[in-house]
Amino acid sequence: MDCTREKVEIPEISARLRERVAVLADEPSSLIDRCYGEVLRIGEYADLSRSAREDVRDVIGLFVGRWCGSMLEQPSLTHADLEDFGVWVRRRVHQGISLNSILRALRRAIEQLWLAHLALVAHDRPLGDELLFVLSPYLLRFSESMNQLIERVFLDERFKDSRWRDELRCKLGDLLFDERRRSAVLQHRAWPRFRFDHALHGSRRRLRHGRAVGNHQGRPAAERYW
């Protein structure tokens, strides 16, 4: 099923839990930094350029913002959000990041997101139960939706890249074949002329040789036979 069409139902949460989530939404920088630090521990992400790493941090901010926003009665994932995440996945593909590493990065970000929520209700048992029984199933569905999106976009981009390479390889092969065929045709056309020129050159050499012999004997070459 296409995850862009699958609607993830947002659960109803209490006003008290919504207030805690709003605090996290208003000051997300600490959570974003923790998610970013965990993602950079993945080898392929650690090797990215500085600008690419900044792009990773930006998309983590987008992810955290959309999660918190969904808790505050905003749509879970809009079409524009899906497009933004899709563009981000495509950039990772062209930077050589594997699908496994992208999914690991998502899992680490979700782990930090969950730990941040646990910290919000650390000393409040009722809110802790609500977080466990109401919010955690939604987080799992949200995570699964993101997993499907990443896998679909990644495989689609890899397929396009592979198809582009195949088409380029065919075009280069056609050009090479056409070049060899043109060379063969030119050689075939030049061969009769080469034989004629070679025969003419041989005749001229024999004629010059005969004249030289005749002159050497003091009379024209034709008179030696009379």
C-alpha atoms as a PDB file:
ATOM      1  CA  MET A   1       0.000   0.000   0.000  1.00  0.00           C
ATOM      2  CA  ASP A   2       1.225   3.465  -0.912  1.00  0.00           C
ATOM      3  CA  CYS A   3       2.077   5.173   2.358  1.00  0.00           C
ATOM      4  CA  THR A   4       1.281   8.564   0.819  1.00  0.00           C
ATOM      5  CA  ARG A   5      -2.377   7.483   0.634  1.00  0.00           C
ATOM      6  CA  GLU A   6      -2.581   5.665   3.954  1.00  0.00           C
ATOM      7  CA  LYS A   7      -4.079   7.866   6.652  1.00  0.00           C
ATOM      8  CA  VAL A   8      -2.570   7.513  10.121  1.00  0.00           C
ATOM      9  CA  GLU A   9      -5.243   8.209  12.702  1.00  0.00           C
ATOM     10  CA  ILE A  10      -4.215  10.754  15.342  1.00  0.00           C
ATOM     11  CA  PRO A  11      -5.322   9.716  18.832  1.00  0.00           C
ATOM     12  CA  GLU A  12      -7.232  11.950  21.219  1.00  0.00           C
ATOM     13  CA  ILE A  13      -4.991  13.015  24.085  1.00  0.00           C
ATOM     14  CA  SER A  14      -5.765  14.874  27.284  1.00  0.00           C
ATOM     15  CA  ALA A  15      -5.337  18.601  27.663  1.00  0.00           C
ATOM     16  CA  ARG A  16      -2.554  18.040  30.213  1.00  0.00           C
ATOM     17  CA  LEU A  17      -0.507  15.877  27.840  1.00  0.00           C
ATOM     18  CA  ARG A  18      -1.119  18.342  25.033  1.00  0.00           C
ATOM     19  CA  GLU A  19       0.334  21.081  27.228  1.00  0.00           C
ATOM     20  CA  ARG A  20       3.490  19.018  27.783  1.00  0.00           C
ATOM     21  CA  VAL A  21       3.853  18.346  24.073  1.00  0.00           C
ATOM     22  CA  ALA A  22       3.352  22.048  23.341  1.00  0.00           C
ATOM     23  CA  VAL A  23       6.355  22.822  25.557  1.00  0.00           C
ATOM     24  CA  LEU A  24       8.430  20.411  23.484  1.00  0.00           C
ATOM     25  CA  ALA A  25       7.128  21.928  20.243  1.00  0.00           C
ATOM     26  CA  ASP A  26       7.994  25.459  21.384  1.00  0.00           C
ATOM     27  CA  GLU A  27      11.566  24.540  22.360  1.00  0.00           C
ATOM     28  CA  PRO A  28      12.609  21.662  20.056  1.00  0.00           C
ATOM     29  CA  SER A  29      16.281  22.589  19.622  1.00  0.00           C
ATOM     30  CA  SER A  30      17.547  20.322  22.415  1.00  0.00           C
ATOM     31  CA  LEU A  31      15.633  17.327  21.023  1.00  0.00           C
ATOM     32  CA  ILE A  32      16.805  18.082  17.495  1.00  0.00           C
ATOM     33  CA  ASP A  33      20.410  18.245  18.691  1.00  0.00           C
ATOM     34  CA  ARG A  34      20.114  14.855  20.406  1.00  0.00           C
ATOM     35  CA  CYS A  35      18.557  13.266  17.335  1.00  0.00           C
ATOM     36  CA  TYR A  36      21.210  14.840  15.129  1.00  0.00           C
ATOM     37  CA  GLY A  37      24.040  13.587  17.357  1.00  0.00           C
ATOM     38  CA  GLU A  38      22.676  10.044  17.256  1.00  0.00           C
ATOM     39  CA  VAL A  39      22.269  10.075  13.482  1.00  0.00           C
ATOM     40  CA  LEU A  40      25.844  11.250  12.950  1.00  0.00           C
ATOM     41  CA  ARG A  41      27.057   8.198  14.845  1.00  0.00           C
ATOM     42  CA  ILE A  42      26.048   6.175  11.782  1.00  0.00           C
ATOM     43  CA  GLY A  43      29.202   5.824   9.679  1.00  0.00           C
ATOM     44  CA  GLU A  44      27.786   6.894   6.314  1.00  0.00           C
ATOM     45  CA  TYR A  45      26.300  10.057   7.826  1.00  0.00           C
ATOM     46  CA  ALA A  46      29.512  10.945   9.642  1.00  0.00           C
ATOM     47  CA  ASP A  47      31.321  11.024   6.287  1.00  0.00           C
ATOM     48  CA  LEU A  48      28.939  13.558   4.728  1.00  0.00           C
ATOM     49  CA  SER A  49      30.080  17.069   3.884  1.00  0.00           C
ATOM     50  CA  ARG A  50      29.239  19.940   6.190  1.00  0.00           C
ATOM     51  CA  SER A  51      26.425  21.218   3.988  1.00  0.00           C
ATOM     52  CA  ALA A  52      24.947  17.716   3.728  1.00  0.00           C
ATOM     53  CA  ARG A  53      25.048  17.322   7.511  1.00  0.00           C
ATOM     54  CA  GLU A  54      23.242  20.640   7.889  1.00  0.00           C
ATOM     55  CA  ASP A  55      20.601  19.320   5.520  1.00  0.00           C
ATOM     56  CA  VAL A  56      20.239  16.246   7.748  1.00  0.00           C
ATOM     57  CA  ARG A  57      19.692  18.481  10.774  1.00  0.00           C
ATOM     58  CA  ASP A  58      17.062  20.479   8.886  1.00  0.00           C
ATOM     59  CA  VAL A  59      15.054  17.385   8.018  1.00  0.00           C
ATOM     60  CA  ILE A  60      15.244  16.198  11.639  1.00  0.00           C
ATOM     61  CA  GLY A  61      13.754  19.547  12.601  1.00  0.00           C
ATOM     62  CA  LEU A  62      10.992  18.982  10.059  1.00  0.00           C
ATOM     63  CA  PHE A  63      10.353  15.505  11.450  1.00  0.00           C
ATOM     64  CA  VAL A  64      10.160  16.689  15.073  1.00  0.00           C
ATOM     65  CA  GLY A  65       7.949  19.616  14.085  1.00  0.00           C
ATOM     66  CA  ARG A  66       5.475  17.450  12.188  1.00  0.00           C
ATOM     67  CA  TRP A  67       5.262  14.941  15.040  1.00  0.00           C
ATOM     68  CA  CYS A  68       4.597  17.592  17.679  1.00  0.00           C
ATOM     69  CA  GLY A  69       2.234  19.374  15.328  1.00  0.00           C
ATOM     70  CA  SER A  70       0.161  16.235  14.877  1.00  0.00           C
ATOM     71  CA  MET A  71      -0.290  16.071  18.658  1.00  0.00           C
ATOM     72  CA  LEU A  72      -1.575  19.652  18.623  1.00  0.00           C
ATOM     73  CA  GLU A  73      -4.441  18.823  16.254  1.00  0.00           C
ATOM     74  CA  GLN A  74      -2.606  19.465  13.007  1.00  0.00           C
ATOM     75  CA  PRO A  75      -2.544  16.986  10.089  1.00  0.00           C
ATOM     76  CA  SER A  76      -0.031  14.198  10.631  1.00  0.00           C
ATOM     77  CA  LEU A  77       1.687  14.325   7.242  1.00  0.00           C
ATOM     78  CA  THR A  78       0.545  16.707   4.521  1.00  0.00           C
ATOM     79  CA  HIS A  79       1.284  16.260   0.836  1.00  0.00           C
ATOM     80  CA  ALA A  80       3.882  19.035   1.083  1.00  0.00           C
ATOM     81  CA  ASP A  81       5.540  17.221   3.988  1.00  0.00           C
ATOM     82  CA  LEU A  82       5.726  14.015   1.970  1.00  0.00           C
ATOM     83  CA  GLU A  83       7.308  15.909  -0.911  1.00  0.00           C
ATOM     84  CA  ASP A  84       9.891  17.448   1.431  1.00  0.00           C
ATOM     85  CA  PHE A  85      10.783  14.074   2.953  1.00  0.00           C
ATOM     86  CA  GLY A  86      10.928  12.522  -0.530  1.00  0.00           C
ATOM     87  CA  VAL A  87      13.368  15.170  -1.752  1.00  0.00           C
ATOM     88  CA  TRP A  88      15.510  14.552   1.318  1.00  0.00           C
ATOM     89  CA  VAL A  89      15.595  10.776   0.697  1.00  0.00           C
ATOM     90  CA  ARG A  90      16.570  11.334  -2.948  1.00  0.00           C
ATOM     91  CA  ARG A  91      19.468  13.517  -1.888  1.00  0.00           C
ATOM     92  CA  ARG A  92      20.687  10.777   0.451  1.00  0.00           C
ATOM     93  CA  VAL A  93      20.511   8.275  -2.424  1.00  0.00           C
ATOM     94  CA  HIS A  94      22.750  10.435  -4.613  1.00  0.00           C
ATOM     95  CA  GLN A  95      25.143  10.973  -1.698  1.00  0.00           C
ATOM     96  CA  GLY A  96      25.682   7.218  -1.452  1.00  0.00           C
ATOM     97  CA  ILE A  97      23.718   6.613   1.763  1.00  0.00           C
ATOM     98  CA  SER A  98      22.301   3.086   1.875  1.00  0.00           C
ATOM     99  CA  LEU A  99      18.665   2.300   2.598  1.00  0.00           C
ATOM    100  CA  ASN A 100      19.682   0.494   5.773  1.00  0.00           C
ATOM    101  CA  SER A 101      21.500   3.587   7.078  1.00  0.00           C
ATOM    102  CA  ILE A 102      18.551   5.867   6.308  1.00  0.00           C
ATOM    103  CA  LEU A 103      16.193   3.561   8.194  1.00  0.00           C
ATOM    104  CA  ARG A 104      18.649   3.348  11.093  1.00  0.00           C
ATOM    105  CA  ALA A 105      18.747   7.143  11.213  1.00  0.00           C
ATOM    106  CA  LEU A 106      14.951   7.222  11.431  1.00  0.00           C
ATOM    107  CA  ARG A 107      14.917   4.669  14.252  1.00  0.00           C
ATOM    108  CA  ARG A 108      17.489   6.647  16.241  1.00  0.00           C
ATOM    109  CA  ALA A 109      15.531   9.873  15.803  1.00  0.00           C
ATOM    110  CA  ILE A 110      12.325   8.154  16.944  1.00  0.00           C
ATOM    111  CA  GLU A 111      14.153   6.700  19.956  1.00  0.00           C
ATOM    112  CA  GLN A 112      15.219  10.191  21.028  1.00  0.00           C
ATOM    113  CA  LEU A 113      11.720  11.471  20.393  1.00  0.00           C
ATOM    114  CA  TRP A 114      10.273   8.799  22.671  1.00  0.00           C
ATOM    115  CA  LEU A 115      12.842   9.466  25.398  1.00  0.00           C
ATOM    116  CA  ALA A 116      11.946  13.167  25.290  1.00  0.00           C
ATOM    117  CA  HIS A 117       8.288  12.303  25.816  1.00  0.00           C
ATOM    118  CA  LEU A 118       9.141  10.030  28.727  1.00  0.00           C
ATOM    119  CA  ALA A 119      11.032  12.894  30.325  1.00  0.00           C
ATOM    120  CA  LEU A 120       7.914  15.078  30.056  1.00  0.00           C
ATOM    121  CA  VAL A 121       5.893  12.682  32.226  1.00  0.00           C
ATOM    122  CA  ALA A 122       8.653  11.268  34.417  1.00  0.00           C
ATOM    123  CA  HIS A 123       6.889  12.141  37.697  1.00  0.00           C
ATOM    124  CA  ASP A 124       3.286  11.931  36.549  1.00  0.00           C
ATOM    125  CA  ARG A 125       1.897   8.382  36.604  1.00  0.00           C
ATOM    126  CA  PRO A 126      -1.448   9.136  34.894  1.00  0.00           C
ATOM    127  CA  LEU A 127       0.294  10.939  32.040  1.00  0.00           C
ATOM    128  CA  GLY A 128       2.808   8.095  31.853  1.00  0.00           C
ATOM    129  CA  ASP A 129      -0.014   5.600  31.347  1.00  0.00           C
ATOM    130  CA  GLU A 130      -1.558   7.818  28.674  1.00  0.00           C
ATOM    131  CA  LEU A 131       1.782   8.088  26.936  1.00  0.00           C
ATOM    132  CA  LEU A 132       2.217   4.316  27.007  1.00  0.00           C
ATOM    133  CA  PHE A 133      -1.277   3.171  26.021  1.00  0.00           C
ATOM    134  CA  VAL A 134      -2.465   6.023  23.812  1.00  0.00           C
ATOM    135  CA  LEU A 135       0.534   7.761  22.294  1.00  0.00           C
ATOM    136  CA  SER A 136       3.009   4.908  21.783  1.00  0.00           C
ATOM    137  CA  PRO A 137       0.766   2.973  19.296  1.00  0.00           C
ATOM    138  CA  TYR A 138       0.435   6.148  17.252  1.00  0.00           C
ATOM    139  CA  LEU A 139       4.210   6.630  17.307  1.00  0.00           C
ATOM    140  CA  LEU A 140       4.630   3.099  15.959  1.00  0.00           C
ATOM    141  CA  ARG A 141       2.170   3.742  13.118  1.00  0.00           C
ATOM    142  CA  PHE A 142       3.795   7.097  12.399  1.00  0.00           C
ATOM    143  CA  SER A 143       7.179   5.374  12.263  1.00  0.00           C
ATOM    144  CA  GLU A 144       5.864   2.652   9.953  1.00  0.00           C
ATOM    145  CA  SER A 145       4.404   5.275   7.622  1.00  0.00           C
ATOM    146  CA  MET A 146       7.792   6.998   7.440  1.00  0.00           C
ATOM    147  CA  ASN A 147       9.523   3.661   6.837  1.00  0.00           C
ATOM    148  CA  GLN A 148       7.261   2.932   3.882  1.00  0.00           C
ATOM    149  CA  LEU A 149       7.797   6.396   2.453  1.00  0.00           C
ATOM    150  CA  ILE A 150      11.579   6.085   2.700  1.00  0.00           C
ATOM    151  CA  GLU A 151      11.650   2.613   1.148  1.00  0.00           C
ATOM    152  CA  ARG A 152       9.369   3.589  -1.729  1.00  0.00           C
ATOM    153  CA  VAL A 153      11.230   6.794  -2.600  1.00  0.00           C
ATOM    154  CA  PHE A 154      14.649   5.169  -2.187  1.00  0.00           C
ATOM    155  CA  LEU A 155      13.868   2.196  -4.444  1.00  0.00           C
ATOM    156  CA  ASP A 156      12.139   4.418  -7.004  1.00  0.00           C
ATOM    157  CA  GLU A 157      15.164   6.713  -7.184  1.00  0.00           C
ATOM    158  CA  ARG A 158      17.573   3.800  -7.450  1.00  0.00           C
ATOM    159  CA  PHE A 159      15.472   2.337 -10.261  1.00  0.00           C
ATOM    160  CA  LYS A 160      15.508   5.648 -12.128  1.00  0.00           C
ATOM    161  CA  ASP A 161      19.265   5.908 -11.667  1.00  0.00           C
ATOM    162  CA  SER A 162      19.797   2.334 -12.868  1.00  0.00           C
ATOM    163  CA  ARG A 163      17.526   2.861 -15.871  1.00  0.00           C
ATOM    164  CA  TRP A 164      19.351   6.077 -16.744  1.00  0.00           C
ATOM    165  CA  ARG A 165      22.698   4.246 -16.635  1.00  0.00           C
ATOM    166  CA  ASP A 166      21.330   1.455 -18.834  1.00  0.00           C
ATOM    167  CA  GLU A 167      20.025   3.949 -21.383  1.00  0.00           C
ATOM    168  CA  LEU A 168      23.351   5.779 -21.392  1.00  0.00           C
ATOM    169  CA  ARG A 169      25.212   2.488 -21.833  1.00  0.00           C
ATOM    170  CA  CYS A 170      22.995   1.578 -24.807  1.00  0.00           C
ATOM    171  CA  LYS A 171      23.509   4.974 -26.415  1.00  0.00           C
ATOM    172  CA  LEU A 172      27.268   4.745 -25.996  1.00  0.00           C
ATOM    173  CA  GLY A 173      27.193   1.232 -27.439  1.00  0.00           C
ATOM    174  CA  ASP A 174      25.191   2.450 -30.421  1.00  0.00           C
ATOM    175  CA  LEU A 175      27.622   5.290 -31.006  1.00  0.00           C
ATOM    176  CA  LEU A 176      30.581   2.916 -30.837  1.00  0.00           C
ATOM    177  CA  PHE A 177      28.913   0.428 -33.166  1.00  0.00           C
ATOM    178  CA  ASP A 178      28.005   3.170 -35.646  1.00  0.00           C
ATOM    179  CA  GLU A 179      31.576   4.484 -35.568  1.00  0.00           C
ATOM    180  CA  ARG A 180      33.000   1.048 -36.297  1.00  0.00           C
ATOM    181  CA  ARG A 181      30.473   0.508 -39.073  1.00  0.00           C
ATOM    182  CA  ARG A 182      31.332   3.856 -40.682  1.00  0.00           C
ATOM    183  CA  SER A 183      35.018   3.015 -40.469  1.00  0.00           C
ATOM    184  CA  ALA A 184      34.417  -0.355 -42.136  1.00  0.00           C
ATOM    185  CA  VAL A 185      32.404   1.269 -44.945  1.00  0.00           C
ATOM    186  CA  LEU A 186      35.094   3.869 -45.573  1.00  0.00           C
ATOM    187  CA  GLN A 187      37.775   1.171 -45.682  1.00  0.00           C
ATOM    188  CA  HIS A 188      35.695  -0.897 -48.089  1.00  0.00           C
ATOM    189  CA  ARG A 189      35.188   2.092 -50.396  1.00  0.00           C
ATOM    190  CA  ALA A 190      38.854   3.046 -50.246  1.00  0.00           C
ATOM    191  CA  TRP A 191      40.161  -0.469 -51.086  1.00  0.00           C
ATOM    192  CA  PRO A 192      39.540  -0.423 -54.924  1.00  0.00           C
ATOM    193  CA  ARG A 193      41.152   3.017 -55.186  1.00  0.00           C
ATOM    194  CA  PHE A 194      44.074   1.746 -53.155  1.00  0.00           C
ATOM    195  CA  ARG A 195      44.538  -1.217 -55.538  1.00  0.00           C
ATOM    196  CA  PHE A 196      44.362   1.076 -58.580  1.00  0.00           C
ATOM    197  CA  ASP A 197      46.825   3.565 -57.108  1.00  0.00           C
ATOM    198  CA  HIS A 198      49.147   0.739 -56.135  1.00  0.00           C
ATOM    199  CA  ALA A 199      49.079  -0.751 -59.660  1.00  0.00           C
ATOM    200  CA  LEU A 200      49.615   2.644 -61.278  1.00  0.00           C
ATOM    201  CA  HIS A 201      52.502   3.357 -58.956  1.00  0.00           C
ATOM    202  CA  GLY A 202      54.080  -0.016 -59.886  1.00  0.00           C
ATOM    203  CA  SER A 203      53.725   0.690 -63.595  1.00  0.00           C
ATOM    204  CA  ARG A 204      55.384   4.055 -63.273  1.00  0.00           C
ATOM    205  CA  ARG A 205      58.263   2.525 -61.321  1.00  0.00           C
ATOM    206  CA  ARG A 206      58.843  -0.112 -64.056  1.00  0.00           C
ATOM    207  CA  LEU A 207      58.743   2.507 -66.784  1.00  0.00           C
ATOM    208  CA  ARG A 208      61.234   4.724 -64.986  1.00  0.00           C
ATOM    209  CA  HIS A 209      63.495   1.726 -64.414  1.00  0.00           C
ATOM    210  CA  GLY A 210      63.458   0.805 -68.103  1.00  0.00           C
ATOM    211  CA  ARG A 211      64.349   4.314 -69.155  1.00  0.00           C
ATOM    212  CA  ALA A 212      67.204   4.429 -66.683  1.00  0.00           C
ATOM    213  CA  VAL A 213      68.681   1.217 -68.059  1.00  0.00           C
ATOM    214  CA  GLY A 214      68.450   2.469 -71.617  1.00  0.00           C
ATOM    215  CA  ASN A 215      70.100   5.734 -70.863  1.00  0.00           C
ATOM    216  CA  HIS A 216      72.826   3.938 -68.986  1.00  0.00           C
ATOM    217  CA  GLN A 217      73.680   1.997 -72.185  1.00  0.00           C
ATOM    218  CA  GLY A 218      73.864   5.198 -74.174  1.00  0.00           C
ATOM    219  CA  ARG A 219      70.732   4.725 -76.261  1.00  0.00           C
ATOM    220  CA  PRO A 220      66.960   4.715 -75.654  1.00  0.00           C
ATOM    221  CA  ALA A 221      65.603   1.685 -73.928  1.00  0.00           C
ATOM    222  CA  ALA A 222      63.480   0.708 -76.929  1.00  0.00           C
ATOM    223  CA  GLU A 223      66.534   0.550 -79.282  1.00  0.00           C
ATOM    224  CA  ARG A 224      68.285  -2.175 -77.247  1.00  0.00           C
ATOM    225  CA  TYR A 225      66.007  -4.763 -78.749  1.00  0.00           C
ATOM    226  CA  TRP A 226      66.847  -3.935 -82.414  1.00  0.00           C
END
